[in-house]
């Protein structure tokens, strides 16, 4: 069959089939790229720092428009309101987030039974691999800049232990700290005290959390078309192979017919009209010896 496939016309046919298959594969990739798309484009407006008090209100639901917004706030940390949140990955290593309570100056104060005289904000200040490396927060008045992130959900039926939290959850932290809080938290990117930058004390590392990618939706029709074009690409090669196979069978049949014809010519028996006639003796009764 290889000899048949190496005929010039089938080599040209293979090249044509490969070109057609390549076009179908490109169409499949194009359809696959269209099958997933962002529900909303990434907004660059979130990178322009805005005052926290103008973006989010304590005691209210966290609006979707506030997510990922870079905010600024002034206030002070309370070293007694600091917890470690396990299971956080940085540079491929698992460790802990250092989360500290931050009293926000100029924030609305909630009223009612059990309300604290200040409004607090949970701030993820850095990452450590070893809990012993978590240092106390800087003291004094701090000018904070960071990315505003919605509150996480606490892990149910889990006891994190003293000085720990299952997640950066406002619902969990306000019960631990017994304070009024904003419905989200801030991943700190810069802290300034007295006009000077305050870096996270080594070996702790800064978080450097960027904007979260938008959610993606799947267009199943485009995904189906992508798979369909792959089938077409394979079908083009299958047709070429089938045509070569049919040609190969025809060659075998022609060779077999030729062989049978040659054998018939070598072993052809005499025809009846060419047989030697028999000799018959006629006895004439009139002829007597």
C-alpha atoms as a PDB file:
ATOM      1  CA  UNK A   1       0.000   0.000   0.000  1.00  0.00           C
ATOM      2  CA  UNK A   2       2.964   2.299   0.559  1.00  0.00           C
ATOM      3  CA  UNK A   3       3.858   2.005  -3.110  1.00  0.00           C
ATOM      4  CA  UNK A   4       0.363   3.172  -4.015  1.00  0.00           C
ATOM      5  CA  UNK A   5       0.531   6.071  -1.545  1.00  0.00           C
ATOM      6  CA  UNK A   6       3.817   7.223  -3.129  1.00  0.00           C
ATOM      7  CA  UNK A   7       2.195   7.767  -6.497  1.00  0.00           C
ATOM      8  CA  UNK A   8       2.535  11.431  -7.531  1.00  0.00           C
ATOM      9  CA  UNK A   9      -1.204  12.012  -7.557  1.00  0.00           C
ATOM     10  CA  UNK A  10      -1.625  10.650  -4.025  1.00  0.00           C
ATOM     11  CA  UNK A  11       1.338  12.629  -2.719  1.00  0.00           C
ATOM     12  CA  UNK A  12      -0.331  15.742  -4.134  1.00  0.00           C
ATOM     13  CA  UNK A  13      -3.593  14.587  -2.584  1.00  0.00           C
ATOM     14  CA  UNK A  14      -1.910  14.218   0.813  1.00  0.00           C
ATOM     15  CA  UNK A  15      -0.513  17.738   0.602  1.00  0.00           C
ATOM     16  CA  UNK A  16      -3.974  19.054  -0.252  1.00  0.00           C
ATOM     17  CA  UNK A  17      -5.544  17.090   2.641  1.00  0.00           C
ATOM     18  CA  UNK A  18      -2.946  18.447   5.078  1.00  0.00           C
ATOM     19  CA  UNK A  19      -3.643  22.009   3.931  1.00  0.00           C
ATOM     20  CA  UNK A  20      -7.385  21.503   4.394  1.00  0.00           C
ATOM     21  CA  UNK A  21      -6.815  19.917   7.815  1.00  0.00           C
ATOM     22  CA  UNK A  22      -4.583  22.818   8.848  1.00  0.00           C
ATOM     23  CA  UNK A  23      -7.300  25.299   7.923  1.00  0.00           C
ATOM     24  CA  UNK A  24      -9.843  23.309   9.933  1.00  0.00           C
ATOM     25  CA  UNK A  25      -7.505  23.216  12.963  1.00  0.00           C
ATOM     26  CA  UNK A  26      -7.060  27.004  12.791  1.00  0.00           C
ATOM     27  CA  UNK A  27     -10.830  27.415  12.671  1.00  0.00           C
ATOM     28  CA  UNK A  28     -11.096  25.108  15.693  1.00  0.00           C
ATOM     29  CA  UNK A  29      -8.604  27.230  17.647  1.00  0.00           C
ATOM     30  CA  UNK A  30     -10.514  30.385  16.717  1.00  0.00           C
ATOM     31  CA  UNK A  31     -13.809  28.897  17.903  1.00  0.00           C
ATOM     32  CA  UNK A  32     -12.178  27.617  21.101  1.00  0.00           C
ATOM     33  CA  UNK A  33     -10.823  31.091  21.844  1.00  0.00           C
ATOM     34  CA  UNK A  34     -14.320  32.508  21.458  1.00  0.00           C
ATOM     35  CA  UNK A  35     -15.843  29.856  23.716  1.00  0.00           C
ATOM     36  CA  UNK A  36     -14.486  31.533  26.868  1.00  0.00           C
ATOM     37  CA  UNK A  37     -14.871  35.236  27.440  1.00  0.00           C
ATOM     38  CA  UNK A  38     -14.762  37.583  30.383  1.00  0.00           C
ATOM     39  CA  UNK A  39     -18.089  38.638  31.795  1.00  0.00           C
ATOM     40  CA  UNK A  40     -16.741  42.156  32.221  1.00  0.00           C
ATOM     41  CA  UNK A  41     -13.518  43.847  31.105  1.00  0.00           C
ATOM     42  CA  UNK A  42     -10.857  44.601  33.689  1.00  0.00           C
ATOM     43  CA  UNK A  43     -11.336  48.163  34.920  1.00  0.00           C
ATOM     44  CA  UNK A  44      -8.230  50.308  35.263  1.00  0.00           C
ATOM     45  CA  UNK A  45     -10.138  52.768  37.453  1.00  0.00           C
ATOM     46  CA  UNK A  46      -9.575  50.492  40.463  1.00  0.00           C
ATOM     47  CA  UNK A  47      -5.857  51.360  40.373  1.00  0.00           C
ATOM     48  CA  UNK A  48      -6.520  55.025  41.188  1.00  0.00           C
ATOM     49  CA  UNK A  49      -6.379  55.279  45.029  1.00  0.00           C
ATOM     50  CA  UNK A  50      -9.569  56.521  46.666  1.00  0.00           C
ATOM     51  CA  UNK A  51     -10.342  57.216  50.335  1.00  0.00           C
ATOM     52  CA  UNK A  52     -11.793  54.161  52.061  1.00  0.00           C
ATOM     53  CA  UNK A  53     -14.541  56.242  53.645  1.00  0.00           C
ATOM     54  CA  UNK A  54     -15.741  57.295  50.163  1.00  0.00           C
ATOM     55  CA  UNK A  55     -15.778  53.741  48.788  1.00  0.00           C
ATOM     56  CA  UNK A  56     -17.210  51.572  51.558  1.00  0.00           C
ATOM     57  CA  UNK A  57     -19.540  52.082  54.505  1.00  0.00           C
ATOM     58  CA  UNK A  58     -19.417  49.977  57.687  1.00  0.00           C
ATOM     59  CA  UNK A  59     -22.493  47.950  58.500  1.00  0.00           C
ATOM     60  CA  UNK A  60     -23.546  47.666  54.839  1.00  0.00           C
ATOM     61  CA  UNK A  61     -23.201  44.965  52.210  1.00  0.00           C
ATOM     62  CA  UNK A  62     -20.005  44.932  50.196  1.00  0.00           C
ATOM     63  CA  UNK A  63     -20.834  46.333  46.720  1.00  0.00           C
ATOM     64  CA  UNK A  64     -19.335  44.573  43.742  1.00  0.00           C
ATOM     65  CA  UNK A  65     -18.069  47.875  42.356  1.00  0.00           C
ATOM     66  CA  UNK A  66     -15.768  48.273  45.389  1.00  0.00           C
ATOM     67  CA  UNK A  67     -13.915  44.983  44.850  1.00  0.00           C
ATOM     68  CA  UNK A  68     -10.223  45.383  43.939  1.00  0.00           C
ATOM     69  CA  UNK A  69     -10.355  49.146  44.462  1.00  0.00           C
ATOM     70  CA  UNK A  70      -7.090  50.606  45.771  1.00  0.00           C
ATOM     71  CA  UNK A  71      -7.994  52.648  48.862  1.00  0.00           C
ATOM     72  CA  UNK A  72      -6.248  54.883  51.360  1.00  0.00           C
ATOM     73  CA  UNK A  73      -6.964  55.287  55.061  1.00  0.00           C
ATOM     74  CA  UNK A  74      -5.397  56.854  58.134  1.00  0.00           C
ATOM     75  CA  UNK A  75      -5.516  55.286  61.580  1.00  0.00           C
ATOM     76  CA  UNK A  76      -3.610  53.062  63.953  1.00  0.00           C
ATOM     77  CA  UNK A  77      -3.038  49.354  64.506  1.00  0.00           C
ATOM     78  CA  UNK A  78      -3.802  47.456  67.690  1.00  0.00           C
ATOM     79  CA  UNK A  79      -1.177  44.732  68.332  1.00  0.00           C
ATOM     80  CA  UNK A  80      -3.732  42.900  70.478  1.00  0.00           C
ATOM     81  CA  UNK A  81      -5.942  42.511  67.430  1.00  0.00           C
ATOM     82  CA  UNK A  82      -3.621  40.437  65.265  1.00  0.00           C
ATOM     83  CA  UNK A  83      -4.232  36.908  63.963  1.00  0.00           C
ATOM     84  CA  UNK A  84      -2.564  34.496  61.571  1.00  0.00           C
ATOM     85  CA  UNK A  85      -4.552  32.933  58.723  1.00  0.00           C
ATOM     86  CA  UNK A  86      -3.052  29.597  57.572  1.00  0.00           C
ATOM     87  CA  UNK A  87      -2.992  27.971  54.162  1.00  0.00           C
ATOM     88  CA  UNK A  88      -1.767  31.009  52.210  1.00  0.00           C
ATOM     89  CA  UNK A  89       0.629  30.401  49.312  1.00  0.00           C
ATOM     90  CA  UNK A  90       3.386  32.746  48.193  1.00  0.00           C
ATOM     91  CA  UNK A  91       6.149  31.888  45.712  1.00  0.00           C
ATOM     92  CA  UNK A  92       5.046  28.259  45.801  1.00  0.00           C
ATOM     93  CA  UNK A  93       5.366  27.925  49.611  1.00  0.00           C
ATOM     94  CA  UNK A  94       2.550  27.618  52.136  1.00  0.00           C
ATOM     95  CA  UNK A  95       2.456  29.960  55.083  1.00  0.00           C
ATOM     96  CA  UNK A  96       0.332  32.488  56.970  1.00  0.00           C
ATOM     97  CA  UNK A  97      -1.147  35.896  56.374  1.00  0.00           C
ATOM     98  CA  UNK A  98      -0.614  38.428  59.149  1.00  0.00           C
ATOM     99  CA  UNK A  99      -3.992  40.135  59.674  1.00  0.00           C
ATOM    100  CA  UNK A 100      -4.212  43.077  62.068  1.00  0.00           C
ATOM    101  CA  UNK A 101      -7.071  45.287  63.206  1.00  0.00           C
ATOM    102  CA  UNK A 102      -6.801  48.896  61.977  1.00  0.00           C
ATOM    103  CA  UNK A 103      -8.867  51.697  63.568  1.00  0.00           C
ATOM    104  CA  UNK A 104      -9.911  54.035  60.752  1.00  0.00           C
ATOM    105  CA  UNK A 105      -9.906  57.763  61.458  1.00  0.00           C
ATOM    106  CA  UNK A 106     -12.984  59.613  60.210  1.00  0.00           C
ATOM    107  CA  UNK A 107     -14.970  56.408  59.670  1.00  0.00           C
ATOM    108  CA  UNK A 108     -18.664  56.388  60.579  1.00  0.00           C
ATOM    109  CA  UNK A 109     -19.211  54.908  64.026  1.00  0.00           C
ATOM    110  CA  UNK A 110     -21.984  52.354  64.341  1.00  0.00           C
ATOM    111  CA  UNK A 111     -24.480  52.934  67.102  1.00  0.00           C
ATOM    112  CA  UNK A 112     -26.478  50.469  69.100  1.00  0.00           C
ATOM    113  CA  UNK A 113     -25.947  47.843  71.745  1.00  0.00           C
ATOM    114  CA  UNK A 114     -22.488  46.339  71.638  1.00  0.00           C
ATOM    115  CA  UNK A 115     -21.107  48.880  69.160  1.00  0.00           C
ATOM    116  CA  UNK A 116     -17.458  49.863  69.655  1.00  0.00           C
ATOM    117  CA  UNK A 117     -16.384  53.521  69.869  1.00  0.00           C
ATOM    118  CA  UNK A 118     -14.231  53.060  66.747  1.00  0.00           C
ATOM    119  CA  UNK A 119     -14.724  51.410  63.373  1.00  0.00           C
ATOM    120  CA  UNK A 120     -12.103  48.838  62.485  1.00  0.00           C
ATOM    121  CA  UNK A 121     -10.740  47.371  59.305  1.00  0.00           C
ATOM    122  CA  UNK A 122      -8.976  44.036  58.912  1.00  0.00           C
ATOM    123  CA  UNK A 123      -5.648  44.552  57.151  1.00  0.00           C
ATOM    124  CA  UNK A 124      -3.588  41.710  55.662  1.00  0.00           C
ATOM    125  CA  UNK A 125      -0.134  43.148  56.227  1.00  0.00           C
ATOM    126  CA  UNK A 126       2.198  40.398  55.033  1.00  0.00           C
ATOM    127  CA  UNK A 127       3.074  36.717  54.679  1.00  0.00           C
ATOM    128  CA  UNK A 128       5.283  34.495  56.831  1.00  0.00           C
ATOM    129  CA  UNK A 129       6.282  30.854  56.539  1.00  0.00           C
ATOM    130  CA  UNK A 130       6.780  30.430  60.304  1.00  0.00           C
ATOM    131  CA  UNK A 131       4.254  31.844  62.804  1.00  0.00           C
ATOM    132  CA  UNK A 132       7.160  32.876  65.051  1.00  0.00           C
ATOM    133  CA  UNK A 133       8.260  35.376  62.370  1.00  0.00           C
ATOM    134  CA  UNK A 134       5.067  37.423  62.631  1.00  0.00           C
ATOM    135  CA  UNK A 135       6.155  40.756  64.135  1.00  0.00           C
ATOM    136  CA  UNK A 136       3.937  43.332  65.810  1.00  0.00           C
ATOM    137  CA  UNK A 137       2.441  46.067  63.618  1.00  0.00           C
ATOM    138  CA  UNK A 138       3.996  49.536  63.482  1.00  0.00           C
ATOM    139  CA  UNK A 139       2.823  51.910  66.185  1.00  0.00           C
ATOM    140  CA  UNK A 140       1.507  55.447  65.903  1.00  0.00           C
ATOM    141  CA  UNK A 141      -0.580  57.000  63.173  1.00  0.00           C
ATOM    142  CA  UNK A 142      -0.302  55.068  59.900  1.00  0.00           C
ATOM    143  CA  UNK A 143      -1.217  56.157  56.393  1.00  0.00           C
ATOM    144  CA  UNK A 144      -2.370  52.950  54.761  1.00  0.00           C
ATOM    145  CA  UNK A 145      -2.676  52.112  51.065  1.00  0.00           C
ATOM    146  CA  UNK A 146      -3.963  48.770  49.868  1.00  0.00           C
ATOM    147  CA  UNK A 147      -6.400  46.799  47.761  1.00  0.00           C
ATOM    148  CA  UNK A 148      -9.948  46.411  49.047  1.00  0.00           C
ATOM    149  CA  UNK A 149     -11.163  42.803  48.950  1.00  0.00           C
ATOM    150  CA  UNK A 150     -14.539  41.300  49.955  1.00  0.00           C
ATOM    151  CA  UNK A 151     -14.677  39.375  53.201  1.00  0.00           C
ATOM    152  CA  UNK A 152     -13.952  35.666  52.972  1.00  0.00           C
ATOM    153  CA  UNK A 153     -16.235  32.976  54.367  1.00  0.00           C
ATOM    154  CA  UNK A 154     -15.137  31.349  57.630  1.00  0.00           C
ATOM    155  CA  UNK A 155     -14.368  27.637  57.655  1.00  0.00           C
ATOM    156  CA  UNK A 156     -17.188  25.927  59.584  1.00  0.00           C
ATOM    157  CA  UNK A 157     -16.602  23.427  62.388  1.00  0.00           C
ATOM    158  CA  UNK A 158     -12.942  24.392  62.661  1.00  0.00           C
ATOM    159  CA  UNK A 159     -11.087  25.622  65.716  1.00  0.00           C
ATOM    160  CA  UNK A 160      -8.142  27.698  64.422  1.00  0.00           C
ATOM    161  CA  UNK A 161      -6.540  27.945  67.851  1.00  0.00           C
ATOM    162  CA  UNK A 162      -5.373  30.994  69.803  1.00  0.00           C
ATOM    163  CA  UNK A 163      -4.070  33.839  67.683  1.00  0.00           C
ATOM    164  CA  UNK A 164      -5.372  32.216  64.519  1.00  0.00           C
ATOM    165  CA  UNK A 165      -8.357  32.627  62.191  1.00  0.00           C
ATOM    166  CA  UNK A 166      -9.738  30.219  59.612  1.00  0.00           C
ATOM    167  CA  UNK A 167     -10.067  32.999  57.008  1.00  0.00           C
ATOM    168  CA  UNK A 168     -10.003  36.759  56.589  1.00  0.00           C
ATOM    169  CA  UNK A 169     -13.665  36.814  57.532  1.00  0.00           C
ATOM    170  CA  UNK A 170     -15.297  39.903  58.965  1.00  0.00           C
ATOM    171  CA  UNK A 171     -17.952  37.745  60.625  1.00  0.00           C
ATOM    172  CA  UNK A 172     -15.286  35.728  62.411  1.00  0.00           C
ATOM    173  CA  UNK A 173     -12.946  38.583  63.308  1.00  0.00           C
ATOM    174  CA  UNK A 174     -15.555  40.913  64.842  1.00  0.00           C
ATOM    175  CA  UNK A 175     -16.474  38.113  67.235  1.00  0.00           C
ATOM    176  CA  UNK A 176     -12.827  37.594  68.161  1.00  0.00           C
ATOM    177  CA  UNK A 177     -11.997  41.307  68.487  1.00  0.00           C
ATOM    178  CA  UNK A 178     -15.445  42.432  69.697  1.00  0.00           C
ATOM    179  CA  UNK A 179     -15.457  45.530  67.484  1.00  0.00           C
ATOM    180  CA  UNK A 180     -17.493  47.154  64.714  1.00  0.00           C
ATOM    181  CA  UNK A 181     -15.873  46.569  61.341  1.00  0.00           C
ATOM    182  CA  UNK A 182     -16.015  47.260  57.623  1.00  0.00           C
ATOM    183  CA  UNK A 183     -17.530  44.392  55.543  1.00  0.00           C
ATOM    184  CA  UNK A 184     -14.254  43.708  53.751  1.00  0.00           C
ATOM    185  CA  UNK A 185     -10.511  43.779  54.297  1.00  0.00           C
ATOM    186  CA  UNK A 186      -7.490  45.480  52.773  1.00  0.00           C
ATOM    187  CA  UNK A 187      -4.346  43.792  51.463  1.00  0.00           C
ATOM    188  CA  UNK A 188      -1.714  46.388  52.341  1.00  0.00           C
ATOM    189  CA  UNK A 189       0.666  47.574  49.653  1.00  0.00           C
ATOM    190  CA  UNK A 190       2.201  50.558  51.506  1.00  0.00           C
ATOM    191  CA  UNK A 191       2.336  51.869  55.060  1.00  0.00           C
ATOM    192  CA  UNK A 192       3.723  55.250  56.059  1.00  0.00           C
ATOM    193  CA  UNK A 193       4.427  56.557  59.553  1.00  0.00           C
ATOM    194  CA  UNK A 194       5.519  60.174  60.028  1.00  0.00           C
ATOM    195  CA  UNK A 195       5.938  60.584  56.265  1.00  0.00           C
ATOM    196  CA  UNK A 196       8.356  57.629  55.977  1.00  0.00           C
ATOM    197  CA  UNK A 197       7.628  54.213  54.472  1.00  0.00           C
ATOM    198  CA  UNK A 198       7.262  51.359  56.929  1.00  0.00           C
ATOM    199  CA  UNK A 199       8.338  48.093  55.332  1.00  0.00           C
ATOM    200  CA  UNK A 200       7.152  44.695  56.511  1.00  0.00           C
ATOM    201  CA  UNK A 201       9.797  43.397  58.910  1.00  0.00           C
ATOM    202  CA  UNK A 202      11.830  40.509  57.449  1.00  0.00           C
ATOM    203  CA  UNK A 203      11.533  37.565  57.159  1.00  0.00           C
ATOM    204  CA  UNK A 204       7.900  38.498  56.532  1.00  0.00           C
ATOM    205  CA  UNK A 205       7.078  39.347  52.912  1.00  0.00           C
ATOM    206  CA  UNK A 206       4.704  41.873  51.373  1.00  0.00           C
ATOM    207  CA  UNK A 207       1.593  40.425  49.752  1.00  0.00           C
ATOM    208  CA  UNK A 208       1.604  42.359  46.444  1.00  0.00           C
ATOM    209  CA  UNK A 209      -1.929  41.315  45.500  1.00  0.00           C
ATOM    210  CA  UNK A 210      -2.985  42.508  42.058  1.00  0.00           C
ATOM    211  CA  UNK A 211      -6.502  42.936  40.684  1.00  0.00           C
ATOM    212  CA  UNK A 212      -8.431  39.700  40.445  1.00  0.00           C
ATOM    213  CA  UNK A 213      -9.196  38.476  36.910  1.00  0.00           C
ATOM    214  CA  UNK A 214     -12.839  38.803  35.880  1.00  0.00           C
ATOM    215  CA  UNK A 215     -15.027  35.730  35.904  1.00  0.00           C
ATOM    216  CA  UNK A 216     -15.200  33.826  32.653  1.00  0.00           C
ATOM    217  CA  UNK A 217     -18.261  32.348  31.015  1.00  0.00           C
ATOM    218  CA  UNK A 218     -18.278  29.409  28.591  1.00  0.00           C
ATOM    219  CA  UNK A 219     -20.089  29.550  25.268  1.00  0.00           C
ATOM    220  CA  UNK A 220     -20.944  25.891  24.697  1.00  0.00           C
ATOM    221  CA  UNK A 221     -21.976  26.471  21.082  1.00  0.00           C
ATOM    222  CA  UNK A 222     -18.518  27.804  20.174  1.00  0.00           C
ATOM    223  CA  UNK A 223     -16.953  24.917  22.103  1.00  0.00           C
ATOM    224  CA  UNK A 224     -19.034  22.473  20.042  1.00  0.00           C
ATOM    225  CA  UNK A 225     -17.941  24.175  16.805  1.00  0.00           C
ATOM    226  CA  UNK A 226     -14.301  23.891  17.919  1.00  0.00           C
ATOM    227  CA  UNK A 227     -14.673  20.128  18.378  1.00  0.00           C
ATOM    228  CA  UNK A 228     -16.536  19.880  15.075  1.00  0.00           C
ATOM    229  CA  UNK A 229     -13.685  21.497  13.119  1.00  0.00           C
ATOM    230  CA  UNK A 230     -11.240  18.982  14.643  1.00  0.00           C
ATOM    231  CA  UNK A 231     -13.488  16.156  13.388  1.00  0.00           C
ATOM    232  CA  UNK A 232     -13.520  17.731   9.910  1.00  0.00           C
ATOM    233  CA  UNK A 233      -9.712  17.913   9.945  1.00  0.00           C
ATOM    234  CA  UNK A 234      -9.479  14.214  10.743  1.00  0.00           C
ATOM    235  CA  UNK A 235     -12.127  13.412   8.132  1.00  0.00           C
ATOM    236  CA  UNK A 236     -10.093  15.119   5.380  1.00  0.00           C
ATOM    237  CA  UNK A 237      -7.145  12.827   6.133  1.00  0.00           C
ATOM    238  CA  UNK A 238      -9.475   9.821   6.352  1.00  0.00           C
ATOM    239  CA  UNK A 239     -10.867  10.515   2.874  1.00  0.00           C
ATOM    240  CA  UNK A 240      -7.321  10.643   1.446  1.00  0.00           C
ATOM    241  CA  UNK A 241      -6.446   7.341   3.128  1.00  0.00           C
ATOM    242  CA  UNK A 242      -9.644   5.700   1.879  1.00  0.00           C
ATOM    243  CA  UNK A 243      -9.018   6.821  -1.707  1.00  0.00           C
ATOM    244  CA  UNK A 244      -5.464   5.432  -1.553  1.00  0.00           C
ATOM    245  CA  UNK A 245      -6.801   2.151  -0.143  1.00  0.00           C
ATOM    246  CA  UNK A 246      -9.400   1.855  -2.951  1.00  0.00           C
ATOM    247  CA  UNK A 247      -6.692   2.507  -5.551  1.00  0.00           C
ATOM    248  CA  UNK A 248      -4.508  -0.156  -3.929  1.00  0.00           C
ATOM    249  CA  UNK A 249      -7.350  -2.679  -4.105  1.00  0.00           C
ATOM    250  CA  UNK A 250      -7.964  -1.874  -7.769  1.00  0.00           C
ATOM    251  CA  UNK A 251      -4.285  -2.472  -8.486  1.00  0.00           C
ATOM    252  CA  UNK A 252      -4.509  -5.848  -6.725  1.00  0.00           C
ATOM    253  CA  UNK A 253      -7.631  -6.805  -8.694  1.00  0.00           C
ATOM    254  CA  UNK A 254      -6.023  -5.779 -12.000  1.00  0.00           C
ATOM    255  CA  UNK A 255      -2.895  -7.781 -11.163  1.00  0.00           C
ATOM    256  CA  UNK A 256      -5.011 -10.826 -10.243  1.00  0.00           C
ATOM    257  CA  UNK A 257      -7.020 -10.603 -13.479  1.00  0.00           C
ATOM    258  CA  UNK A 258      -3.823 -10.373 -15.488  1.00  0.00           C
ATOM    259  CA  UNK A 259      -2.411 -13.416 -13.700  1.00  0.00           C
ATOM    260  CA  UNK A 260      -5.551 -15.470 -14.336  1.00  0.00           C
ATOM    261  CA  UNK A 261      -5.515 -14.486 -18.019  1.00  0.00           C
ATOM    262  CA  UNK A 262      -1.914 -15.612 -18.406  1.00  0.00           C
ATOM    263  CA  UNK A 263      -2.655 -18.941 -16.706  1.00  0.00           C
ATOM    264  CA  UNK A 264      -5.649 -19.512 -18.984  1.00  0.00           C
ATOM    265  CA  UNK A 265      -3.534 -18.926 -22.064  1.00  0.00           C
ATOM    266  CA  UNK A 266      -0.915 -21.466 -20.921  1.00  0.00           C
ATOM    267  CA  UNK A 267      -3.404 -24.230 -20.090  1.00  0.00           C
ATOM    268  CA  UNK A 268      -6.106 -23.749 -22.778  1.00  0.00           C
ATOM    269  CA  UNK A 269      -7.419 -27.315 -23.849  1.00  0.00           C
ATOM    270  CA  UNK A 270      -8.132 -28.189 -27.594  1.00  0.00           C
ATOM    271  CA  UNK A 271     -11.505 -27.133 -28.908  1.00  0.00           C
ATOM    272  CA  UNK A 272     -13.959 -29.864 -30.165  1.00  0.00           C
ATOM    273  CA  UNK A 273     -13.916 -28.625 -33.790  1.00  0.00           C
ATOM    274  CA  UNK A 274     -10.166 -29.215 -33.999  1.00  0.00           C
ATOM    275  CA  UNK A 275     -10.221 -32.929 -32.866  1.00  0.00           C
ATOM    276  CA  UNK A 276      -8.922 -35.643 -35.354  1.00  0.00           C
ATOM    277  CA  UNK A 277     -11.848 -37.485 -36.910  1.00  0.00           C
ATOM    278  CA  UNK A 278     -12.149 -41.280 -36.316  1.00  0.00           C
ATOM    279  CA  UNK A 279     -11.542 -43.786 -39.288  1.00  0.00           C
ATOM    280  CA  UNK A 280     -14.574 -46.002 -40.097  1.00  0.00           C
ATOM    281  CA  UNK A 281     -14.364 -49.214 -42.316  1.00  0.00           C
ATOM    282  CA  UNK A 282     -17.252 -49.767 -44.644  1.00  0.00           C
ATOM    283  CA  UNK A 283     -17.912 -53.348 -45.761  1.00  0.00           C
ATOM    284  CA  UNK A 284     -19.631 -53.553 -49.089  1.00  0.00           C
ATOM    285  CA  UNK A 285     -21.691 -56.793 -49.284  1.00  0.00           C
ATOM    286  CA  UNK A 286     -21.191 -56.805 -52.998  1.00  0.00           C
ATOM    287  CA  UNK A 287     -17.490 -57.138 -52.543  1.00  0.00           C
ATOM    288  CA  UNK A 288     -16.612 -60.799 -51.863  1.00  0.00           C
ATOM    289  CA  UNK A 289     -13.240 -62.314 -51.740  1.00  0.00           C
END
